[in-house]
């Protein structure tokens, strides 16, 4: 029997950096010191090595990268566009802190968009694409069975990447991907709650089954319910904290 090896913090950070690299490259495929700094700092923000509200002193960051403050400021501006950094006027940049109103808006927007995506997958996706989602669900199950939050989170992100591709809805795909970096920390926070990973896994099993049955209405309802429940879970955590 092959023993399951949990995902390390280093591997999770590398995955976060790859996602940022992909998103930045979709806007500008030139690679530079600015993009490298944005990728590394962004990964640390997503992994909460740099916590929400953390000051990003451009002088200190410039010393870290042995460069001037100009590429640091440009990198922080890139991350501001992706919703990871707040650069207020005449004040020091900091890691973005999402308020409850913004979190609710993000989840409600994703839920609405992904309902459309689910309808398109159920109605239009190939059998091969749905089989790919089923295979990815099994990867999620392995992580869930092992209690591996990091691996489950990234398997979940990959599932929804495949889901977007299977839908063929390029407009929805672009909008959902524009919100991706804002949601990873929130998804981790939601999935860390007791029992939430198992609930998420079951929701995705039922979603794949609905796709298999070409039941578009059920698929849309399931994906909306999953997001609304995740939002409620985050709101409860905030209230308890």
Protein backbone atom coordinates (compact mmCIF):
# COMPACT_ATOMS: atom_id res chain seq x y z
CA UNK A 1 0.00 0.00 0.00
CA UNK A 2 1.33 3.45 -0.93
CA UNK A 3 1.30 5.82 2.03
CA UNK A 4 -0.28 9.22 1.46
CA UNK A 5 2.16 12.11 1.84
CA UNK A 6 0.56 15.38 2.85
CA UNK A 7 1.27 18.49 0.80
CA UNK A 8 4.03 20.62 2.28
CA UNK A 9 3.82 24.36 2.91
CA UNK A 10 6.56 24.82 0.29
CA UNK A 11 4.56 22.96 -2.38
CA UNK A 12 1.45 24.96 -1.55
CA UNK A 13 3.41 28.22 -1.85
CA UNK A 14 4.77 27.10 -5.23
CA UNK A 15 1.23 26.41 -6.44
CA UNK A 16 0.11 29.86 -5.28
CA UNK A 17 2.98 31.44 -7.19
CA UNK A 18 2.13 29.46 -10.33
CA UNK A 19 -1.47 30.71 -10.21
CA UNK A 20 -0.28 34.31 -9.88
CA UNK A 21 2.21 33.84 -12.72
CA UNK A 22 -0.58 32.48 -14.95
CA UNK A 23 -2.92 35.36 -14.20
CA UNK A 24 -0.27 38.04 -14.65
CA UNK A 25 0.89 36.40 -17.89
CA UNK A 26 -2.68 36.50 -19.22
CA UNK A 27 -2.43 40.29 -19.08
CA UNK A 28 1.25 40.73 -19.97
CA UNK A 29 3.49 37.81 -20.96
CA UNK A 30 6.74 39.76 -20.47
CA UNK A 31 8.71 38.46 -17.51
CA UNK A 32 10.67 40.97 -15.44
CA UNK A 33 11.90 41.72 -11.94
CA UNK A 34 8.57 43.46 -11.30
CA UNK A 35 6.56 40.34 -12.15
CA UNK A 36 8.94 38.12 -10.17
CA UNK A 37 8.49 40.30 -7.07
CA UNK A 38 4.71 40.35 -7.58
CA UNK A 39 4.63 36.55 -7.91
CA UNK A 40 6.70 35.96 -4.78
CA UNK A 41 4.93 38.52 -2.57
CA UNK A 42 1.53 37.49 -3.93
CA UNK A 43 2.23 33.86 -3.12
CA UNK A 44 3.17 34.78 0.43
CA UNK A 45 -0.06 36.80 0.76
CA UNK A 46 -2.21 33.93 -0.54
CA UNK A 47 -0.50 31.49 1.83
CA UNK A 48 -0.89 34.03 4.66
CA UNK A 49 2.82 34.12 5.35
CA UNK A 50 2.09 37.84 5.03
CA UNK A 51 -1.11 38.30 7.03
CA UNK A 52 -4.04 40.60 6.14
CA UNK A 53 -3.18 44.12 7.23
CA UNK A 54 0.59 43.50 7.15
CA UNK A 55 2.52 46.68 6.23
CA UNK A 56 4.44 46.43 2.96
CA UNK A 57 7.19 48.97 3.51
CA UNK A 58 8.71 49.54 0.06
CA UNK A 59 12.10 50.35 1.62
CA UNK A 60 12.20 47.01 3.46
CA UNK A 61 10.97 45.08 0.42
CA UNK A 62 13.54 46.84 -1.77
CA UNK A 63 16.30 45.71 0.63
CA UNK A 64 15.00 42.14 0.43
CA UNK A 65 15.27 42.14 -3.37
CA UNK A 66 18.39 44.32 -3.50
CA UNK A 67 16.74 46.78 -5.85
CA UNK A 68 15.34 50.30 -5.91
CA UNK A 69 11.85 51.19 -4.69
CA UNK A 70 10.53 51.70 -8.25
CA UNK A 71 10.06 47.99 -9.19
CA UNK A 72 8.65 47.37 -5.71
CA UNK A 73 6.01 50.04 -6.20
CA UNK A 74 5.17 48.63 -9.65
CA UNK A 75 4.87 45.10 -8.24
CA UNK A 76 2.58 46.31 -5.47
CA UNK A 77 0.43 48.08 -8.05
CA UNK A 78 0.11 44.79 -9.96
CA UNK A 79 -1.01 43.05 -6.78
CA UNK A 80 -3.42 45.88 -6.02
CA UNK A 81 -5.15 45.20 -9.37
CA UNK A 82 -5.58 41.56 -8.33
CA UNK A 83 -7.12 42.53 -4.97
CA UNK A 84 -4.22 41.29 -2.83
CA UNK A 85 -2.74 44.63 -1.78
CA UNK A 86 -4.24 47.93 -0.67
CA UNK A 87 -2.27 51.04 -1.72
CA UNK A 88 -4.07 53.99 -0.09
CA UNK A 89 -3.01 57.54 -1.02
CA UNK A 90 -0.18 58.98 1.12
CA UNK A 91 -0.14 55.87 3.28
CA UNK A 92 1.98 52.75 3.41
CA UNK A 93 0.78 49.79 1.27
CA UNK A 94 -0.57 46.81 3.17
CA UNK A 95 -1.90 43.34 2.56
CA UNK A 96 -5.58 43.65 1.68
CA UNK A 97 -8.13 43.15 4.44
CA UNK A 98 -11.50 42.16 3.00
CA UNK A 99 -14.51 43.44 4.91
CA UNK A 100 -17.68 41.39 5.29
CA UNK A 101 -19.56 43.34 2.63
CA UNK A 102 -16.84 42.67 0.04
CA UNK A 103 -16.61 38.99 0.99
CA UNK A 104 -20.37 38.62 0.55
CA UNK A 105 -20.24 40.39 -2.81
CA UNK A 106 -17.45 38.10 -4.03
CA UNK A 107 -19.26 34.92 -3.01
CA UNK A 108 -22.63 36.03 -4.37
CA UNK A 109 -21.01 37.06 -7.67
CA UNK A 110 -19.14 33.75 -7.98
CA UNK A 111 -22.30 31.81 -7.10
CA UNK A 112 -24.27 33.55 -9.85
CA UNK A 113 -21.57 33.13 -12.47
CA UNK A 114 -20.90 29.50 -11.59
CA UNK A 115 -24.61 28.72 -11.82
CA UNK A 116 -24.35 29.73 -15.49
CA UNK A 117 -21.18 27.68 -15.85
CA UNK A 118 -22.89 24.62 -14.35
CA UNK A 119 -25.80 24.99 -16.76
CA UNK A 120 -23.37 25.10 -19.68
CA UNK A 121 -21.36 22.11 -18.46
CA UNK A 122 -24.49 19.99 -18.00
CA UNK A 123 -25.89 20.98 -21.39
CA UNK A 124 -22.79 21.24 -23.57
CA UNK A 125 -19.69 19.60 -22.09
CA UNK A 126 -18.29 16.46 -23.70
CA UNK A 127 -18.44 13.13 -21.92
CA UNK A 128 -14.62 13.26 -21.75
CA UNK A 129 -14.70 16.63 -19.96
CA UNK A 130 -17.17 15.30 -17.38
CA UNK A 131 -15.01 12.20 -16.90
CA UNK A 132 -12.09 14.57 -16.24
CA UNK A 133 -14.11 16.29 -13.52
CA UNK A 134 -14.92 12.89 -11.99
CA UNK A 135 -11.21 12.04 -11.98
CA UNK A 136 -10.39 15.35 -10.31
CA UNK A 137 -13.08 14.67 -7.70
CA UNK A 138 -11.23 11.46 -6.83
CA UNK A 139 -8.08 13.53 -6.25
CA UNK A 140 -10.11 15.75 -3.92
CA UNK A 141 -11.37 12.64 -2.11
CA UNK A 142 -7.84 11.37 -1.50
CA UNK A 143 -6.91 14.70 0.06
CA UNK A 144 -10.10 14.80 2.13
CA UNK A 145 -9.64 11.24 3.37
CA UNK A 146 -6.13 12.19 4.52
CA UNK A 147 -7.33 15.41 6.17
CA UNK A 148 -4.92 17.31 3.91
CA UNK A 149 -6.34 20.83 3.75
CA UNK A 150 -3.62 22.22 1.47
CA UNK A 151 -3.97 19.43 -1.08
CA UNK A 152 -7.76 19.59 -0.95
CA UNK A 153 -7.76 23.34 -1.54
CA UNK A 154 -5.57 23.11 -4.63
CA UNK A 155 -7.46 20.06 -5.95
CA UNK A 156 -10.67 22.06 -5.50
CA UNK A 157 -9.19 24.99 -7.43
CA UNK A 158 -8.16 22.62 -10.23
CA UNK A 159 -11.66 21.11 -10.28
CA UNK A 160 -13.17 24.54 -10.87
CA UNK A 161 -10.56 25.36 -13.50
CA UNK A 162 -11.62 22.21 -15.36
CA UNK A 163 -15.26 23.10 -14.76
CA UNK A 164 -14.77 26.50 -16.42
CA UNK A 165 -12.98 24.94 -19.39
CA UNK A 166 -15.69 22.27 -19.77
CA UNK A 167 -18.39 24.95 -19.91
CA UNK A 168 -16.94 26.61 -23.00
CA UNK A 169 -18.21 29.92 -21.57
CA UNK A 170 -15.20 32.15 -22.13
CA UNK A 171 -16.83 35.30 -20.74
CA UNK A 172 -17.73 33.64 -17.44
CA UNK A 173 -14.27 32.05 -17.33
CA UNK A 174 -12.51 35.43 -17.61
CA UNK A 175 -14.67 37.02 -14.92
CA UNK A 176 -14.35 34.11 -12.49
CA UNK A 177 -10.58 33.97 -13.00
CA UNK A 178 -10.37 37.71 -12.29
CA UNK A 179 -11.75 36.94 -8.81
CA UNK A 180 -9.58 33.87 -8.21
CA UNK A 181 -6.75 35.43 -6.21
CA UNK A 182 -9.25 37.21 -3.97
CA UNK A 183 -10.96 33.93 -3.07
CA UNK A 184 -8.16 31.46 -2.29
CA UNK A 185 -7.63 32.63 1.29
CA UNK A 186 -11.39 32.70 1.85
CA UNK A 187 -11.80 29.18 0.51
CA UNK A 188 -9.02 27.94 2.78
CA UNK A 189 -10.68 29.63 5.75
CA UNK A 190 -14.03 28.04 4.94
CA UNK A 191 -12.60 24.56 4.34
CA UNK A 192 -10.66 24.65 7.61
CA UNK A 193 -13.90 24.62 9.63
CA UNK A 194 -14.76 21.24 11.21
CA UNK A 195 -16.69 19.04 8.78
CA UNK A 196 -16.57 21.57 5.95
CA UNK A 197 -14.12 19.62 3.77
CA UNK A 198 -16.34 16.51 3.88
CA UNK A 199 -19.40 18.61 3.04
CA UNK A 200 -17.60 20.23 0.13
CA UNK A 201 -16.50 16.83 -1.16
CA UNK A 202 -20.05 15.50 -1.08
CA UNK A 203 -21.36 18.63 -2.83
CA UNK A 204 -18.86 18.07 -5.64
CA UNK A 205 -19.74 14.37 -5.90
CA UNK A 206 -23.38 15.29 -6.38
CA UNK A 207 -22.38 17.96 -8.89
CA UNK A 208 -20.47 15.46 -11.04
CA UNK A 209 -23.43 13.07 -10.81
CA UNK A 210 -25.77 15.84 -11.99
CA UNK A 211 -23.42 16.50 -14.92
CA UNK A 212 -23.39 12.78 -15.75
CA UNK A 213 -27.18 12.82 -15.79
CA UNK A 214 -27.23 16.08 -17.79
CA UNK A 215 -29.41 17.58 -15.06
CA UNK A 216 -28.62 21.26 -15.55
CA UNK A 217 -31.06 22.63 -12.99
CA UNK A 218 -29.74 20.40 -10.23
CA UNK A 219 -26.12 21.19 -11.16
CA UNK A 220 -26.80 24.93 -10.98
CA UNK A 221 -28.60 24.60 -7.64
CA UNK A 222 -25.78 22.52 -6.15
CA UNK A 223 -23.03 24.92 -7.12
CA UNK A 224 -24.99 27.89 -5.79
CA UNK A 225 -25.73 26.10 -2.53
CA UNK A 226 -22.06 25.21 -2.10
CA UNK A 227 -21.04 28.87 -2.39
CA UNK A 228 -23.78 30.24 -0.17
CA UNK A 229 -22.98 27.67 2.53
CA UNK A 230 -19.28 28.56 2.31
CA UNK A 231 -20.15 32.24 2.75
CA UNK A 232 -22.32 31.49 5.79
CA UNK A 233 -19.47 29.45 7.24
CA UNK A 234 -17.01 32.35 6.84
CA UNK A 235 -19.51 34.74 8.39
CA UNK A 236 -19.94 32.42 11.39
CA UNK A 237 -16.17 32.17 11.83
CA UNK A 238 -15.89 35.97 11.78
CA UNK A 239 -18.69 36.34 14.33
CA UNK A 240 -17.11 33.73 16.62
CA UNK A 241 -13.68 35.33 16.25
